[in-house]
Amino acid sequence: MKNGVCPKCGCTVVIQGVRVLDHGHGNRTHDLSVAVDAKPDAWVFKGRVTGELWACVCGACGFTELYATNLDELVKAAAVVPPAEA
């Protein structure tokens, strides 16, 4: 939906950059995130890399897509080669 069109219903009313929150201890809010460990088998110093999640939400049907920040570092930590841009 980064292109502004909902893939489910075709609506062009898309809210972008929506924060994805969780409530923790004491009802404190924080942004949800993803984590990749560069060395997942290590006992300590796993080389954890994180990225915050944000969303695009369709204004008609509510369909939501999640996106992560810090992609370059997440890909490096996962040792994954991303597909070539079309």
N, C-alpha and C. Protein backbone atom coordinates (compact mmCIF):
# COMPACT_ATOMS: atom_id res chain seq x y z
N MET A 1 0.81 -1.19 0.00
CA MET A 1 0.00 0.00 0.00
C MET A 1 0.85 1.25 0.00
N LYS A 2 2.15 1.08 -0.05
CA LYS A 2 3.00 2.26 -0.13
C LYS A 2 2.67 3.10 -1.35
N ASN A 3 2.06 2.46 -2.37
CA ASN A 3 1.70 3.17 -3.58
C ASN A 3 0.38 3.92 -3.44
N GLY A 4 -0.28 3.81 -2.29
CA GLY A 4 -1.51 4.55 -2.03
C GLY A 4 -2.78 3.88 -2.51
N VAL A 5 -2.70 2.60 -2.88
CA VAL A 5 -3.88 1.86 -3.33
C VAL A 5 -3.98 0.57 -2.53
N CYS A 6 -5.14 0.33 -1.94
CA CYS A 6 -5.34 -0.89 -1.15
C CYS A 6 -5.41 -2.10 -2.08
N PRO A 7 -4.60 -3.15 -1.82
CA PRO A 7 -4.64 -4.35 -2.66
C PRO A 7 -5.89 -5.19 -2.45
N LYS A 8 -6.63 -4.96 -1.38
CA LYS A 8 -7.83 -5.74 -1.09
C LYS A 8 -9.08 -5.16 -1.75
N CYS A 9 -9.25 -3.83 -1.65
CA CYS A 9 -10.49 -3.24 -2.15
C CYS A 9 -10.28 -2.16 -3.21
N GLY A 10 -9.02 -1.77 -3.45
CA GLY A 10 -8.73 -0.77 -4.47
C GLY A 10 -8.92 0.67 -4.04
N CYS A 11 -9.26 0.88 -2.80
CA CYS A 11 -9.48 2.24 -2.29
C CYS A 11 -8.17 3.03 -2.32
N THR A 12 -8.29 4.33 -2.59
CA THR A 12 -7.10 5.18 -2.61
C THR A 12 -6.98 6.03 -1.35
N VAL A 13 -7.86 5.80 -0.39
CA VAL A 13 -7.75 6.49 0.90
C VAL A 13 -6.92 5.59 1.81
N VAL A 14 -5.61 5.83 1.83
CA VAL A 14 -4.68 5.01 2.60
C VAL A 14 -3.95 5.90 3.59
N ILE A 15 -4.02 5.53 4.86
CA ILE A 15 -3.32 6.26 5.92
C ILE A 15 -1.94 5.65 6.05
N GLN A 16 -0.91 6.44 5.78
CA GLN A 16 0.46 5.92 5.81
C GLN A 16 1.20 6.42 7.05
N GLY A 17 2.22 5.69 7.44
CA GLY A 17 3.05 6.09 8.57
C GLY A 17 2.38 5.94 9.92
N VAL A 18 1.47 4.99 10.05
CA VAL A 18 0.76 4.76 11.31
C VAL A 18 1.66 4.01 12.28
N ARG A 19 1.79 4.52 13.50
CA ARG A 19 2.59 3.84 14.52
C ARG A 19 1.88 2.58 14.99
N VAL A 20 2.65 1.52 15.26
CA VAL A 20 2.12 0.27 15.77
C VAL A 20 2.61 0.15 17.21
N LEU A 21 1.69 0.25 18.16
CA LEU A 21 2.05 0.33 19.57
C LEU A 21 1.70 -0.93 20.34
N ASP A 22 2.43 -1.13 21.43
CA ASP A 22 2.13 -2.18 22.39
C ASP A 22 2.11 -1.52 23.76
N HIS A 23 1.34 -2.11 24.67
CA HIS A 23 1.29 -1.59 26.04
C HIS A 23 2.06 -2.53 26.93
N GLY A 24 3.03 -1.98 27.63
CA GLY A 24 3.87 -2.78 28.51
C GLY A 24 3.52 -2.59 29.97
N HIS A 25 4.49 -2.85 30.82
CA HIS A 25 4.32 -2.73 32.26
C HIS A 25 3.87 -1.32 32.62
N GLY A 26 2.90 -1.21 33.48
CA GLY A 26 2.40 0.10 33.89
C GLY A 26 1.65 0.81 32.77
N ASN A 27 1.20 0.05 31.79
CA ASN A 27 0.46 0.57 30.64
C ASN A 27 1.29 1.54 29.80
N ARG A 28 2.63 1.45 29.90
CA ARG A 28 3.50 2.28 29.05
C ARG A 28 3.40 1.80 27.62
N THR A 29 3.34 2.72 26.69
CA THR A 29 3.29 2.34 25.29
C THR A 29 4.69 2.41 24.68
N HIS A 30 4.93 1.52 23.72
CA HIS A 30 6.18 1.56 22.97
C HIS A 30 5.91 1.01 21.58
N ASP A 31 6.74 1.41 20.62
CA ASP A 31 6.58 0.95 19.25
C ASP A 31 6.97 -0.53 19.15
N LEU A 32 6.19 -1.29 18.40
CA LEU A 32 6.55 -2.67 18.14
C LEU A 32 7.76 -2.70 17.22
N SER A 33 8.53 -3.76 17.31
CA SER A 33 9.72 -3.86 16.48
C SER A 33 9.96 -5.31 16.09
N VAL A 34 10.85 -5.47 15.13
CA VAL A 34 11.32 -6.79 14.72
C VAL A 34 12.79 -6.87 15.09
N ALA A 35 13.29 -8.10 15.26
CA ALA A 35 14.69 -8.30 15.63
C ALA A 35 15.30 -9.45 14.84
N VAL A 36 16.54 -9.26 14.41
CA VAL A 36 17.30 -10.31 13.73
C VAL A 36 18.61 -10.46 14.49
N ASP A 37 18.95 -11.69 14.85
CA ASP A 37 20.21 -11.98 15.51
C ASP A 37 21.22 -12.45 14.46
N ALA A 38 22.33 -11.73 14.34
CA ALA A 38 23.37 -12.11 13.38
C ALA A 38 24.01 -13.44 13.76
N LYS A 39 24.08 -13.70 15.07
CA LYS A 39 24.67 -14.96 15.58
C LYS A 39 23.65 -15.62 16.50
N PRO A 40 22.61 -16.22 15.96
CA PRO A 40 21.52 -16.74 16.80
C PRO A 40 21.93 -17.89 17.73
N ASP A 41 23.01 -18.59 17.41
CA ASP A 41 23.44 -19.71 18.24
C ASP A 41 24.35 -19.29 19.40
N ALA A 42 24.78 -18.03 19.40
CA ALA A 42 25.66 -17.56 20.47
C ALA A 42 24.88 -17.47 21.79
N TRP A 43 25.58 -17.68 22.89
CA TRP A 43 24.94 -17.59 24.21
C TRP A 43 24.71 -16.14 24.59
N VAL A 44 25.69 -15.31 24.29
CA VAL A 44 25.59 -13.87 24.53
C VAL A 44 26.13 -13.15 23.30
N PHE A 45 25.97 -11.86 23.25
CA PHE A 45 26.46 -11.04 22.13
C PHE A 45 26.00 -11.61 20.79
N LYS A 46 24.69 -11.73 20.65
CA LYS A 46 24.09 -12.31 19.45
C LYS A 46 24.12 -11.38 18.25
N GLY A 47 24.52 -10.15 18.45
CA GLY A 47 24.53 -9.20 17.34
C GLY A 47 23.13 -8.81 16.90
N ARG A 48 22.26 -8.55 17.86
CA ARG A 48 20.86 -8.25 17.57
C ARG A 48 20.72 -6.90 16.87
N VAL A 49 19.95 -6.91 15.80
CA VAL A 49 19.62 -5.70 15.04
C VAL A 49 18.10 -5.58 15.05
N THR A 50 17.60 -4.38 15.30
CA THR A 50 16.15 -4.19 15.36
C THR A 50 15.69 -3.12 14.37
N GLY A 51 14.42 -3.16 14.09
CA GLY A 51 13.77 -2.15 13.27
C GLY A 51 12.36 -1.94 13.79
N GLU A 52 11.93 -0.70 13.86
CA GLU A 52 10.57 -0.42 14.32
C GLU A 52 9.58 -0.75 13.22
N LEU A 53 8.37 -1.12 13.62
CA LEU A 53 7.30 -1.39 12.68
C LEU A 53 6.42 -0.16 12.52
N TRP A 54 5.95 0.08 11.31
CA TRP A 54 4.95 1.10 11.05
C TRP A 54 3.97 0.50 10.06
N ALA A 55 2.82 1.14 9.89
CA ALA A 55 1.76 0.54 9.09
C ALA A 55 1.16 1.50 8.08
N CYS A 56 0.55 0.91 7.06
CA CYS A 56 -0.35 1.59 6.13
C CYS A 56 -1.72 0.95 6.36
N VAL A 57 -2.77 1.79 6.51
CA VAL A 57 -4.11 1.29 6.81
C VAL A 57 -5.08 1.82 5.76
N CYS A 58 -5.88 0.93 5.19
CA CYS A 58 -6.89 1.32 4.22
C CYS A 58 -8.03 2.03 4.94
N GLY A 59 -8.43 3.18 4.41
CA GLY A 59 -9.50 3.96 5.02
C GLY A 59 -10.89 3.41 4.74
N ALA A 60 -11.01 2.43 3.84
CA ALA A 60 -12.32 1.87 3.51
C ALA A 60 -12.56 0.52 4.18
N CYS A 61 -11.61 -0.41 4.04
CA CYS A 61 -11.83 -1.77 4.56
C CYS A 61 -11.01 -2.09 5.80
N GLY A 62 -10.02 -1.24 6.13
CA GLY A 62 -9.21 -1.47 7.32
C GLY A 62 -8.03 -2.41 7.12
N PHE A 63 -7.86 -2.91 5.90
CA PHE A 63 -6.71 -3.78 5.64
C PHE A 63 -5.44 -3.04 6.03
N THR A 64 -4.51 -3.74 6.68
CA THR A 64 -3.30 -3.11 7.20
C THR A 64 -2.07 -3.88 6.76
N GLU A 65 -1.05 -3.15 6.31
CA GLU A 65 0.25 -3.74 5.97
C GLU A 65 1.29 -3.17 6.92
N LEU A 66 2.19 -4.04 7.39
CA LEU A 66 3.27 -3.62 8.26
C LEU A 66 4.57 -3.50 7.48
N TYR A 67 5.38 -2.52 7.85
CA TYR A 67 6.69 -2.31 7.24
C TYR A 67 7.70 -2.10 8.36
N ALA A 68 8.94 -2.48 8.11
CA ALA A 68 10.00 -2.34 9.10
C ALA A 68 10.99 -1.27 8.67
N THR A 69 11.55 -0.57 9.65
CA THR A 69 12.62 0.38 9.39
C THR A 69 13.95 -0.36 9.51
N ASN A 70 15.04 0.28 9.16
CA ASN A 70 16.40 -0.24 9.32
C ASN A 70 16.65 -1.49 8.47
N LEU A 71 16.08 -1.49 7.27
CA LEU A 71 16.15 -2.68 6.41
C LEU A 71 17.57 -3.12 6.07
N ASP A 72 18.44 -2.18 5.73
CA ASP A 72 19.80 -2.56 5.34
C ASP A 72 20.50 -3.34 6.45
N GLU A 73 20.38 -2.87 7.68
CA GLU A 73 21.03 -3.55 8.80
C GLU A 73 20.37 -4.88 9.12
N LEU A 74 19.05 -4.97 8.99
CA LEU A 74 18.35 -6.24 9.22
C LEU A 74 18.80 -7.28 8.20
N VAL A 75 18.91 -6.88 6.93
CA VAL A 75 19.35 -7.81 5.88
C VAL A 75 20.78 -8.26 6.13
N LYS A 76 21.66 -7.34 6.52
CA LYS A 76 23.05 -7.72 6.82
C LYS A 76 23.11 -8.73 7.97
N ALA A 77 22.35 -8.47 9.02
CA ALA A 77 22.37 -9.37 10.17
C ALA A 77 21.83 -10.75 9.81
N ALA A 78 20.87 -10.79 8.92
CA ALA A 78 20.29 -12.07 8.51
C ALA A 78 21.11 -12.75 7.43
N ALA A 79 22.11 -12.03 6.89
CA ALA A 79 22.95 -12.55 5.80
C ALA A 79 22.11 -13.01 4.62
N VAL A 80 21.14 -12.19 4.27
CA VAL A 80 20.23 -12.48 3.17
C VAL A 80 20.50 -11.49 2.05
N VAL A 81 20.55 -11.97 0.85
CA VAL A 81 20.72 -11.09 -0.31
C VAL A 81 19.32 -10.70 -0.79
N PRO A 82 18.98 -9.37 -0.75
CA PRO A 82 17.64 -8.95 -1.17
C PRO A 82 17.49 -9.09 -2.69
N PRO A 83 16.25 -9.30 -3.15
CA PRO A 83 16.03 -9.39 -4.59
C PRO A 83 16.33 -8.04 -5.26
N ALA A 84 16.73 -8.08 -6.53
CA ALA A 84 17.03 -6.85 -7.27
C ALA A 84 15.75 -6.06 -7.45
N GLU A 85 15.85 -4.75 -7.37
CA GLU A 85 14.71 -3.87 -7.59
C GLU A 85 14.28 -3.98 -9.04
N ALA A 86 12.99 -4.06 -9.26
CA ALA A 86 12.48 -4.15 -10.64
C ALA A 86 12.37 -2.77 -11.26
